Protein backbone atom coordinates (compact mmCIF):
# COMPACT_ATOMS: atom_id res chain seq x y z
CA UNK A 1 163.78 92.50 136.21
CA UNK A 2 167.16 93.43 137.61
CA UNK A 3 167.23 95.82 140.53
CA UNK A 4 168.74 98.36 140.44
CA UNK A 5 168.56 98.92 136.71
CA UNK A 6 171.73 99.42 134.75
CA UNK A 7 170.38 102.69 133.32
CA UNK A 8 169.98 104.15 136.81
CA UNK A 9 173.47 103.01 137.78
CA UNK A 10 175.07 104.41 134.62
CA UNK A 11 173.54 107.81 135.34
CA UNK A 12 175.49 107.90 138.62
CA UNK A 13 178.79 106.34 137.51
CA UNK A 14 180.52 107.58 134.36
CA UNK A 15 181.48 104.20 132.89
CA UNK A 16 180.44 100.60 133.29
CA UNK A 17 184.06 99.63 134.00
CA UNK A 18 184.22 102.01 136.94
CA UNK A 19 180.91 100.63 138.14
CA UNK A 20 182.17 97.04 138.00
CA UNK A 21 185.41 97.91 139.82
CA UNK A 22 183.57 99.85 142.54
CA UNK A 23 180.86 97.22 143.04
CA UNK A 24 183.29 94.31 143.13
CA UNK A 25 185.53 95.98 145.71
CA UNK A 26 182.52 96.83 147.88
CA UNK A 27 181.03 93.35 147.47
CA UNK A 28 184.25 91.85 148.80
CA UNK A 29 184.11 94.20 151.80
CA UNK A 30 180.50 93.24 152.47
CA UNK A 31 181.29 89.55 152.18
CA UNK A 32 184.31 89.70 154.49
CA UNK A 33 183.23 92.30 157.06
CA UNK A 34 179.48 92.72 156.64
CA UNK A 35 179.37 96.45 157.41
CA UNK A 36 176.14 97.32 155.62
CA UNK A 37 175.49 100.98 154.87
CA UNK A 38 171.75 100.74 154.12
CA UNK A 39 168.99 99.79 156.52
CA UNK A 40 167.46 97.15 154.27
CA UNK A 41 168.38 95.52 150.98
CA UNK A 42 166.33 93.88 148.26
CA UNK A 43 169.20 91.65 147.21
CA UNK A 44 170.62 88.80 149.26
CA UNK A 45 174.02 88.60 147.56
CA UNK A 46 176.87 91.01 148.22
CA UNK A 47 177.20 92.20 144.62
CA UNK A 48 173.50 93.11 144.54
CA UNK A 49 173.85 94.92 147.86
CA UNK A 50 176.84 96.88 146.53
CA UNK A 51 174.85 97.90 143.45
CA UNK A 52 171.94 98.98 145.66
CA UNK A 53 174.35 101.19 147.62
CA UNK A 54 175.51 102.78 144.36
CA UNK A 55 171.89 103.37 143.30
CA UNK A 56 171.10 104.95 146.68
CA UNK A 57 174.06 107.32 146.34
CA UNK A 58 175.74 105.97 149.48
CA UNK A 59 178.63 104.41 147.57
CA UNK A 60 180.53 106.74 145.25
CA UNK A 61 183.91 106.33 143.58
CA UNK A 62 186.88 107.99 145.24
CA UNK A 63 188.57 110.81 143.39
CA UNK A 64 192.09 109.79 142.43
CA UNK A 65 195.01 112.16 142.38
CA UNK A 66 196.17 112.36 138.78
CA UNK A 67 199.76 113.01 139.87
CA UNK A 68 200.01 110.14 142.34
CA UNK A 69 201.77 106.93 141.36
CA UNK A 70 199.78 103.93 142.51
CA UNK A 71 201.18 100.56 143.43
CA UNK A 72 199.77 98.78 140.38
CA UNK A 73 201.39 101.28 137.99
CA UNK A 74 204.96 100.50 139.01
């Protein structure tokens, strides 16, 4: 069985696309820098660790300013 479950993760993040974007960005940070936010992890891989941080409530998406123009929108 997958830990953490997708149902638990979807209750904390509004869409699966936001979840994927958040987890992938955090997994890259973990892989490159290794600054772990939890004391212990069940998963060995960085993506699993990122999902565990989301499930624990430590990792939440940043609120974006709806009036800001971001680099990828130009």
